[in-house]
């Protein structure tokens, strides 16, 4: 009986040891050189990233990400230190918490619950973070063009 228990524990340890590494490899493979950098995962499937962007910019980028990924928004609520957003996808509930750290720094926490409280979909959560980072990067590229006076814009486009 002792041997059977040892084999079961050893088998589980072997099967579960690579779970976090596999998730990180998938995120690294799908992300651009700078976009996927700085994503933190916890063992329980929660994904974090801190952006050098204002709370409002990260919130709007997250809303655009939900729209781009065809995830209907179910909640958009202001809280003391930021915003709580929720969306749905298939049998998943996606919860995003945006926390204002400074006027130009925002921490994002994403949890994709898959059916039950215990089952998390870290790859979907990571995809939301990556897409939000891409939206922010695209907005930063567009912003300098908006800041130019109209005469400078005409000259640059010629």
N, C-alpha and C. Protein backbone atom coordinates (compact mmCIF):
# COMPACT_ATOMS: atom_id res chain seq x y z
N UNK A 1 0.81 -1.19 0.00
CA UNK A 1 0.00 0.00 0.00
C UNK A 1 0.86 1.27 0.00
N UNK A 2 1.97 1.23 0.78
CA UNK A 2 2.86 2.38 0.83
C UNK A 2 3.47 2.66 -0.54
N UNK A 3 3.84 1.59 -1.25
CA UNK A 3 4.44 1.77 -2.56
C UNK A 3 3.46 2.40 -3.55
N UNK A 4 2.21 1.99 -3.48
CA UNK A 4 1.20 2.56 -4.39
C UNK A 4 1.05 4.05 -4.14
N UNK A 5 1.04 4.43 -2.88
CA UNK A 5 0.93 5.86 -2.53
C UNK A 5 2.12 6.65 -3.02
N UNK A 6 3.30 6.07 -2.88
CA UNK A 6 4.52 6.74 -3.33
C UNK A 6 4.50 6.91 -4.85
N UNK A 7 4.06 5.87 -5.57
CA UNK A 7 3.98 5.95 -7.02
C UNK A 7 2.98 7.01 -7.48
N UNK A 8 1.86 7.10 -6.78
CA UNK A 8 0.85 8.11 -7.13
C UNK A 8 1.40 9.52 -6.92
N UNK A 9 2.04 9.73 -5.78
CA UNK A 9 2.61 11.06 -5.50
C UNK A 9 3.72 11.39 -6.49
N UNK A 10 4.59 10.42 -6.77
CA UNK A 10 5.66 10.66 -7.73
C UNK A 10 5.11 10.93 -9.12
N UNK A 11 4.08 10.20 -9.51
CA UNK A 11 3.45 10.42 -10.81
C UNK A 11 2.83 11.80 -10.92
N UNK A 12 2.13 12.23 -9.88
CA UNK A 12 1.54 13.57 -9.88
C UNK A 12 2.62 14.64 -9.93
N UNK A 13 3.69 14.44 -9.17
CA UNK A 13 4.77 15.43 -9.18
C UNK A 13 5.38 15.55 -10.57
N UNK A 14 5.57 14.42 -11.24
CA UNK A 14 6.13 14.46 -12.59
C UNK A 14 5.18 15.11 -13.58
N UNK A 15 3.90 14.83 -13.44
CA UNK A 15 2.92 15.39 -14.38
C UNK A 15 2.71 16.88 -14.19
N UNK A 16 2.77 17.35 -12.96
CA UNK A 16 2.43 18.75 -12.68
C UNK A 16 3.63 19.69 -12.65
N UNK A 17 4.83 19.18 -12.67
CA UNK A 17 5.99 20.04 -12.51
C UNK A 17 6.17 21.01 -13.66
N UNK A 18 5.72 20.70 -14.86
CA UNK A 18 5.95 21.57 -16.01
C UNK A 18 4.81 22.51 -16.33
N UNK A 19 3.75 22.50 -15.55
CA UNK A 19 2.58 23.32 -15.88
C UNK A 19 2.93 24.80 -16.02
N UNK A 20 3.63 25.36 -15.06
CA UNK A 20 3.96 26.78 -15.13
C UNK A 20 4.92 27.06 -16.28
N UNK A 21 5.87 26.18 -16.49
CA UNK A 21 6.84 26.39 -17.56
C UNK A 21 6.17 26.36 -18.93
N UNK A 22 5.21 25.46 -19.11
CA UNK A 22 4.51 25.39 -20.39
C UNK A 22 3.74 26.67 -20.64
N UNK A 23 3.05 27.18 -19.63
CA UNK A 23 2.31 28.43 -19.80
C UNK A 23 3.21 29.60 -20.13
N UNK A 24 4.37 29.67 -19.47
CA UNK A 24 5.30 30.76 -19.76
C UNK A 24 5.89 30.63 -21.16
N UNK A 25 6.14 29.40 -21.61
CA UNK A 25 6.68 29.21 -22.95
C UNK A 25 5.68 29.65 -24.00
N UNK A 26 4.40 29.35 -23.77
CA UNK A 26 3.36 29.75 -24.72
C UNK A 26 3.27 31.27 -24.79
N UNK A 27 3.30 31.93 -23.63
CA UNK A 27 3.23 33.39 -23.61
C UNK A 27 4.44 33.97 -24.31
N UNK A 28 5.63 33.44 -24.03
CA UNK A 28 6.84 33.95 -24.65
C UNK A 28 6.85 33.76 -26.15
N UNK A 29 6.32 32.63 -26.61
CA UNK A 29 6.31 32.35 -28.04
C UNK A 29 5.32 33.24 -28.78
N UNK A 30 4.21 33.58 -28.15
CA UNK A 30 3.19 34.37 -28.82
C UNK A 30 3.39 35.86 -28.71
N UNK A 31 4.28 36.29 -27.87
CA UNK A 31 4.45 37.72 -27.63
C UNK A 31 5.59 38.28 -28.45
N UNK A 32 5.47 39.55 -28.77
CA UNK A 32 6.57 40.24 -29.44
C UNK A 32 7.70 40.44 -28.46
N UNK A 33 8.82 40.93 -28.94
CA UNK A 33 10.01 41.06 -28.11
C UNK A 33 9.76 41.88 -26.85
N UNK A 34 9.09 43.01 -26.96
CA UNK A 34 8.89 43.85 -25.80
C UNK A 34 7.52 43.75 -25.19
N UNK A 35 6.55 43.29 -25.95
CA UNK A 35 5.17 43.30 -25.48
C UNK A 35 4.94 42.28 -24.39
N UNK A 36 5.51 41.08 -24.53
CA UNK A 36 5.29 40.02 -23.55
C UNK A 36 6.18 40.14 -22.34
N UNK A 37 7.17 40.99 -22.39
CA UNK A 37 8.10 41.12 -21.28
C UNK A 37 7.40 41.71 -20.07
N UNK A 38 7.75 41.21 -18.90
CA UNK A 38 7.22 41.76 -17.68
C UNK A 38 5.88 41.22 -17.25
N UNK A 39 5.44 40.14 -17.86
CA UNK A 39 4.19 39.51 -17.42
C UNK A 39 4.53 38.55 -16.31
N UNK A 40 3.87 38.68 -15.19
CA UNK A 40 4.10 37.80 -14.05
C UNK A 40 2.91 36.87 -13.88
N UNK A 41 3.21 35.60 -13.62
CA UNK A 41 2.18 34.60 -13.40
C UNK A 41 2.30 34.10 -11.97
N UNK A 42 1.15 33.75 -11.39
CA UNK A 42 1.19 33.07 -10.11
C UNK A 42 0.88 31.61 -10.37
N UNK A 43 1.13 30.79 -9.40
CA UNK A 43 0.89 29.35 -9.55
C UNK A 43 -0.59 29.08 -9.82
N UNK A 44 -1.47 29.90 -9.30
CA UNK A 44 -2.90 29.65 -9.46
C UNK A 44 -3.50 30.30 -10.71
N UNK A 45 -2.70 30.73 -11.68
CA UNK A 45 -3.22 31.19 -12.96
C UNK A 45 -3.58 32.65 -13.05
N UNK A 46 -3.21 33.45 -12.08
CA UNK A 46 -3.46 34.89 -12.13
C UNK A 46 -2.29 35.55 -12.84
N UNK A 47 -2.58 36.50 -13.73
CA UNK A 47 -1.54 37.14 -14.52
C UNK A 47 -1.49 38.64 -14.16
N UNK A 48 -0.27 39.15 -13.98
CA UNK A 48 -0.06 40.54 -13.59
C UNK A 48 0.87 41.23 -14.59
N UNK A 49 0.67 42.52 -14.76
CA UNK A 49 1.63 43.35 -15.51
C UNK A 49 1.46 44.78 -15.04
N UNK A 50 2.59 45.47 -14.91
CA UNK A 50 2.58 46.89 -14.58
C UNK A 50 2.93 47.66 -15.84
N UNK A 51 2.09 48.63 -16.19
CA UNK A 51 2.27 49.44 -17.40
C UNK A 51 2.74 50.83 -17.02
N UNK A 52 3.61 51.40 -17.83
CA UNK A 52 4.02 52.79 -17.68
C UNK A 52 3.02 53.63 -18.48
N UNK A 53 1.79 53.64 -17.99
CA UNK A 53 0.70 54.36 -18.64
C UNK A 53 -0.33 54.73 -17.57
N UNK A 54 -1.08 55.76 -17.85
CA UNK A 54 -2.08 56.21 -16.89
C UNK A 54 -3.20 55.17 -16.75
N UNK A 55 -3.91 55.26 -15.66
CA UNK A 55 -5.04 54.36 -15.40
C UNK A 55 -6.06 54.43 -16.52
N UNK A 56 -6.41 55.64 -16.95
CA UNK A 56 -7.40 55.79 -18.02
C UNK A 56 -6.93 55.18 -19.33
N UNK A 57 -5.65 55.36 -19.67
CA UNK A 57 -5.14 54.77 -20.91
C UNK A 57 -5.19 53.25 -20.88
N UNK A 58 -4.83 52.66 -19.74
CA UNK A 58 -4.87 51.21 -19.61
C UNK A 58 -6.31 50.71 -19.63
N UNK A 59 -7.20 51.43 -18.99
CA UNK A 59 -8.62 51.04 -19.00
C UNK A 59 -9.17 51.05 -20.42
N UNK A 60 -8.91 52.12 -21.17
CA UNK A 60 -9.43 52.18 -22.55
C UNK A 60 -8.80 51.10 -23.43
N UNK A 61 -7.52 50.82 -23.22
CA UNK A 61 -6.86 49.75 -23.98
C UNK A 61 -7.47 48.40 -23.63
N UNK A 62 -7.82 48.19 -22.38
CA UNK A 62 -8.46 46.94 -21.96
C UNK A 62 -9.84 46.81 -22.59
N UNK A 63 -10.59 47.90 -22.61
CA UNK A 63 -11.92 47.87 -23.24
C UNK A 63 -11.80 47.56 -24.73
N UNK A 64 -10.80 48.15 -25.39
CA UNK A 64 -10.57 47.85 -26.81
C UNK A 64 -10.19 46.39 -27.01
N UNK A 65 -9.41 45.86 -26.07
CA UNK A 65 -8.99 44.45 -26.14
C UNK A 65 -10.20 43.54 -26.03
N UNK A 66 -11.08 43.81 -25.07
CA UNK A 66 -12.30 43.01 -24.95
C UNK A 66 -13.11 43.06 -26.24
N UNK A 67 -13.22 44.24 -26.82
CA UNK A 67 -13.96 44.39 -28.07
C UNK A 67 -13.28 43.61 -29.20
N UNK A 68 -11.97 43.76 -29.31
CA UNK A 68 -11.22 43.07 -30.37
C UNK A 68 -11.34 41.55 -30.24
N UNK A 69 -11.36 41.06 -29.00
CA UNK A 69 -11.44 39.61 -28.77
C UNK A 69 -12.88 39.11 -28.69
N UNK A 70 -13.84 39.99 -28.98
CA UNK A 70 -15.27 39.65 -28.97
C UNK A 70 -15.71 39.09 -27.62
N UNK A 71 -15.26 39.73 -26.55
CA UNK A 71 -15.64 39.35 -25.20
C UNK A 71 -16.59 40.41 -24.65
N UNK A 72 -17.86 40.08 -24.51
CA UNK A 72 -18.82 41.08 -24.02
C UNK A 72 -18.49 41.55 -22.60
N UNK A 73 -18.51 42.86 -22.43
CA UNK A 73 -18.25 43.48 -21.14
C UNK A 73 -19.46 43.27 -20.24
N UNK A 74 -19.22 42.79 -19.02
CA UNK A 74 -20.32 42.57 -18.08
C UNK A 74 -20.26 43.52 -16.89
N UNK A 75 -19.08 44.13 -16.64
CA UNK A 75 -18.95 45.08 -15.54
C UNK A 75 -17.82 46.06 -15.84
N UNK A 76 -18.04 47.30 -15.47
CA UNK A 76 -17.04 48.37 -15.62
C UNK A 76 -17.28 49.31 -14.45
N UNK A 77 -16.57 49.06 -13.36
CA UNK A 77 -16.88 49.74 -12.10
C UNK A 77 -15.66 50.42 -11.53
N UNK A 78 -15.81 51.69 -11.17
CA UNK A 78 -14.73 52.44 -10.52
C UNK A 78 -14.68 52.01 -9.06
N UNK A 79 -13.45 51.77 -8.59
CA UNK A 79 -13.23 51.42 -7.19
C UNK A 79 -12.24 52.44 -6.61
N UNK A 80 -11.97 52.34 -5.32
CA UNK A 80 -11.14 53.33 -4.63
C UNK A 80 -9.81 53.61 -5.33
N UNK A 81 -9.08 52.56 -5.70
CA UNK A 81 -7.75 52.75 -6.25
C UNK A 81 -7.65 52.42 -7.73
N UNK A 82 -8.79 52.34 -8.43
CA UNK A 82 -8.74 52.04 -9.86
C UNK A 82 -10.08 51.64 -10.45
N UNK A 83 -10.04 50.55 -11.24
CA UNK A 83 -11.24 50.06 -11.94
C UNK A 83 -11.30 48.54 -11.86
N UNK A 84 -12.52 48.02 -11.86
CA UNK A 84 -12.75 46.57 -11.99
C UNK A 84 -13.57 46.37 -13.25
N UNK A 85 -13.06 45.52 -14.14
CA UNK A 85 -13.74 45.21 -15.39
C UNK A 85 -13.99 43.71 -15.44
N UNK A 86 -15.09 43.31 -16.04
CA UNK A 86 -15.38 41.89 -16.23
C UNK A 86 -15.93 41.68 -17.62
N UNK A 87 -15.63 40.50 -18.16
CA UNK A 87 -16.14 40.13 -19.48
C UNK A 87 -16.34 38.62 -19.48
N UNK A 88 -16.97 38.12 -20.55
CA UNK A 88 -17.19 36.69 -20.68
C UNK A 88 -16.66 36.19 -22.01
N UNK A 89 -16.30 34.90 -22.01
CA UNK A 89 -15.86 34.23 -23.23
C UNK A 89 -16.11 32.74 -23.04
N UNK A 90 -16.96 32.17 -23.89
CA UNK A 90 -17.33 30.75 -23.78
C UNK A 90 -17.78 30.49 -22.34
N UNK A 91 -17.15 29.54 -21.66
CA UNK A 91 -17.54 29.24 -20.28
C UNK A 91 -16.60 29.89 -19.27
N UNK A 92 -16.03 31.02 -19.65
CA UNK A 92 -15.07 31.71 -18.80
C UNK A 92 -15.60 33.08 -18.37
N UNK A 93 -15.20 33.46 -17.18
CA UNK A 93 -15.44 34.81 -16.68
C UNK A 93 -14.08 35.46 -16.50
N UNK A 94 -13.89 36.59 -17.16
CA UNK A 94 -12.61 37.28 -17.09
C UNK A 94 -12.78 38.49 -16.17
N UNK A 95 -11.94 38.55 -15.14
CA UNK A 95 -11.96 39.66 -14.20
C UNK A 95 -10.64 40.40 -14.28
N UNK A 96 -10.73 41.72 -14.50
CA UNK A 96 -9.54 42.57 -14.60
C UNK A 96 -9.63 43.64 -13.52
N UNK A 97 -8.55 43.77 -12.78
CA UNK A 97 -8.45 44.84 -11.79
C UNK A 97 -7.30 45.74 -12.22
N UNK A 98 -7.60 47.02 -12.37
CA UNK A 98 -6.59 48.01 -12.72
C UNK A 98 -6.35 48.88 -11.49
N UNK A 99 -5.11 48.92 -11.05
CA UNK A 99 -4.76 49.67 -9.84
C UNK A 99 -3.81 50.81 -10.20
N UNK A 100 -4.20 52.02 -9.83
CA UNK A 100 -3.35 53.20 -10.07
C UNK A 100 -2.23 53.20 -9.05
N UNK A 101 -0.99 53.10 -9.55
CA UNK A 101 0.17 53.17 -8.66
C UNK A 101 0.69 54.60 -8.57
N UNK A 102 0.79 55.26 -9.73
CA UNK A 102 1.13 56.68 -9.80
C UNK A 102 0.28 57.27 -10.92
N UNK A 103 0.47 58.53 -11.20
CA UNK A 103 -0.29 59.18 -12.28
C UNK A 103 0.01 58.53 -13.63
N UNK A 104 1.20 57.94 -13.77
CA UNK A 104 1.59 57.34 -15.06
C UNK A 104 1.98 55.87 -14.95
N UNK A 105 1.54 55.21 -13.89
CA UNK A 105 1.85 53.78 -13.72
C UNK A 105 0.60 53.05 -13.23
N UNK A 106 0.27 51.95 -13.92
CA UNK A 106 -0.93 51.18 -13.61
C UNK A 106 -0.61 49.70 -13.56
N UNK A 107 -1.09 49.03 -12.54
CA UNK A 107 -0.91 47.59 -12.40
C UNK A 107 -2.18 46.89 -12.85
N UNK A 108 -2.02 45.87 -13.68
CA UNK A 108 -3.16 45.11 -14.21
C UNK A 108 -3.10 43.69 -13.63
N UNK A 109 -4.24 43.22 -13.15
CA UNK A 109 -4.38 41.85 -12.64
C UNK A 109 -5.51 41.20 -13.42
N UNK A 110 -5.22 40.06 -14.07
CA UNK A 110 -6.24 39.39 -14.88
C UNK A 110 -6.41 37.95 -14.39
N UNK A 111 -7.68 37.58 -14.18
CA UNK A 111 -8.03 36.22 -13.81
C UNK A 111 -9.10 35.75 -14.78
N UNK A 112 -8.84 34.63 -15.43
CA UNK A 112 -9.84 34.01 -16.31
C UNK A 112 -10.31 32.73 -15.64
N UNK A 113 -11.49 32.80 -15.02
CA UNK A 113 -12.06 31.63 -14.34
C UNK A 113 -12.76 30.76 -15.36
N UNK A 114 -12.37 29.50 -15.37
CA UNK A 114 -12.93 28.55 -16.32
C UNK A 114 -13.93 27.66 -15.59
N UNK A 115 -15.20 28.07 -15.64
CA UNK A 115 -16.25 27.28 -15.01
C UNK A 115 -16.24 27.37 -13.51
N UNK A 116 -15.34 26.68 -12.87
CA UNK A 116 -15.29 26.60 -11.42
C UNK A 116 -14.30 27.62 -10.85
N UNK A 117 -14.40 27.82 -9.57
CA UNK A 117 -13.50 28.74 -8.87
C UNK A 117 -12.05 28.29 -8.95
N UNK A 118 -11.82 26.98 -8.97
CA UNK A 118 -10.47 26.45 -8.91
C UNK A 118 -9.76 26.37 -10.25
N UNK A 119 -10.49 26.41 -11.35
CA UNK A 119 -9.87 26.25 -12.66
C UNK A 119 -9.66 27.61 -13.31
N UNK A 120 -8.40 27.94 -13.53
CA UNK A 120 -8.03 29.21 -14.15
C UNK A 120 -7.47 28.95 -15.54
N UNK A 121 -7.71 29.88 -16.44
CA UNK A 121 -7.19 29.80 -17.80
C UNK A 121 -6.12 30.87 -17.94
N UNK A 122 -4.89 30.51 -17.57
CA UNK A 122 -3.79 31.48 -17.57
C UNK A 122 -3.45 31.94 -18.98
N UNK A 123 -3.63 31.10 -19.98
CA UNK A 123 -3.28 31.51 -21.35
C UNK A 123 -4.23 32.59 -21.86
N UNK A 124 -5.51 32.50 -21.52
CA UNK A 124 -6.45 33.55 -21.91
C UNK A 124 -6.14 34.84 -21.16
N UNK A 125 -5.83 34.73 -19.87
CA UNK A 125 -5.47 35.91 -19.08
C UNK A 125 -4.22 36.57 -19.67
N UNK A 126 -3.22 35.77 -20.03
CA UNK A 126 -1.99 36.31 -20.62
C UNK A 126 -2.27 36.96 -21.97
N UNK A 127 -3.15 36.36 -22.76
CA UNK A 127 -3.50 36.94 -24.06
C UNK A 127 -4.14 38.32 -23.90
N UNK A 128 -4.96 38.47 -22.87
CA UNK A 128 -5.60 39.77 -22.61
C UNK A 128 -4.53 40.81 -22.24
N UNK A 129 -3.57 40.43 -21.42
CA UNK A 129 -2.49 41.35 -21.04
C UNK A 129 -1.68 41.74 -22.28
N UNK A 130 -1.33 40.75 -23.11
CA UNK A 130 -0.53 41.02 -24.30
C UNK A 130 -1.28 41.92 -25.27
N UNK A 131 -2.56 41.64 -25.50
CA UNK A 131 -3.35 42.47 -26.40
C UNK A 131 -3.50 43.90 -25.86
N UNK A 132 -3.66 44.02 -24.56
CA UNK A 132 -3.76 45.36 -23.95
C UNK A 132 -2.45 46.12 -24.16
N UNK A 133 -1.32 45.45 -23.98
CA UNK A 133 -0.02 46.08 -24.21
C UNK A 133 0.12 46.52 -25.66
N UNK A 134 -0.35 45.70 -26.59
CA UNK A 134 -0.29 46.07 -28.00
C UNK A 134 -1.18 47.27 -28.30
N UNK A 135 -2.35 47.32 -27.68
CA UNK A 135 -3.25 48.48 -27.86
C UNK A 135 -2.58 49.75 -27.34
N UNK A 136 -1.95 49.66 -26.18
CA UNK A 136 -1.25 50.82 -25.63
C UNK A 136 -0.10 51.26 -26.52
N UNK A 137 0.64 50.31 -27.05
CA UNK A 137 1.76 50.64 -27.95
C UNK A 137 1.25 51.31 -29.21
N UNK A 138 0.15 50.82 -29.76
CA UNK A 138 -0.42 51.42 -30.96
C UNK A 138 -0.92 52.83 -30.67
N UNK A 139 -1.52 53.03 -29.51
CA UNK A 139 -2.00 54.37 -29.14
C UNK A 139 -0.84 55.34 -28.96
N UNK A 140 0.29 54.87 -28.44
CA UNK A 140 1.46 55.73 -28.27
C UNK A 140 2.03 56.16 -29.61
N UNK A 141 1.97 55.28 -30.62
CA UNK A 141 2.46 55.63 -31.95
C UNK A 141 1.58 56.67 -32.62
N UNK A 142 0.29 56.61 -32.35
CA UNK A 142 -0.67 57.53 -32.95
C UNK A 142 -0.64 58.88 -32.24
N UNK A 143 -0.41 58.88 -30.92
CA UNK A 143 -0.48 60.10 -30.12
C UNK A 143 0.44 61.21 -30.60
N UNK A 144 1.71 60.97 -30.95
CA UNK A 144 2.56 62.08 -31.42
C UNK A 144 2.01 62.74 -32.68
N UNK A 145 1.41 61.97 -33.56
CA UNK A 145 0.83 62.55 -34.78
C UNK A 145 -0.33 63.47 -34.44
N UNK A 146 -1.11 63.12 -33.43
CA UNK A 146 -2.23 63.97 -33.02
C UNK A 146 -1.74 65.28 -32.42
N UNK A 147 -0.58 65.25 -31.78
CA UNK A 147 -0.06 66.43 -31.09
C UNK A 147 0.52 67.46 -32.06
N UNK A 148 0.84 67.06 -33.28
CA UNK A 148 1.41 68.00 -34.24
C UNK A 148 0.38 69.02 -34.70
N UNK A 149 0.78 70.26 -34.88
CA UNK A 149 -0.14 71.23 -35.48
C UNK A 149 -0.52 70.78 -36.89
N UNK A 150 -1.65 71.22 -37.37
CA UNK A 150 -2.16 70.75 -38.66
C UNK A 150 -1.19 71.01 -39.81
N UNK A 151 -0.45 72.14 -39.80
CA UNK A 151 0.50 72.43 -40.88
C UNK A 151 1.64 71.40 -40.87
N UNK A 152 2.11 71.01 -39.67
CA UNK A 152 3.18 70.01 -39.58
C UNK A 152 2.68 68.66 -40.06
N UNK A 153 1.43 68.32 -39.76
CA UNK A 153 0.86 67.05 -40.22
C UNK A 153 0.82 66.98 -41.72
N UNK A 154 0.45 68.11 -42.35
CA UNK A 154 0.37 68.14 -43.81
C UNK A 154 1.77 67.95 -44.42
N UNK A 155 2.76 68.62 -43.83
CA UNK A 155 4.12 68.51 -44.33
C UNK A 155 4.65 67.09 -44.20
N UNK A 156 4.36 66.43 -43.06
CA UNK A 156 4.84 65.07 -42.83
C UNK A 156 4.17 64.08 -43.76
N UNK A 157 2.93 64.29 -44.07
CA UNK A 157 2.21 63.33 -44.93
C UNK A 157 2.59 63.48 -46.39
N UNK A 158 3.21 64.58 -46.77
CA UNK A 158 3.59 64.79 -48.17
C UNK A 158 4.83 64.03 -48.52
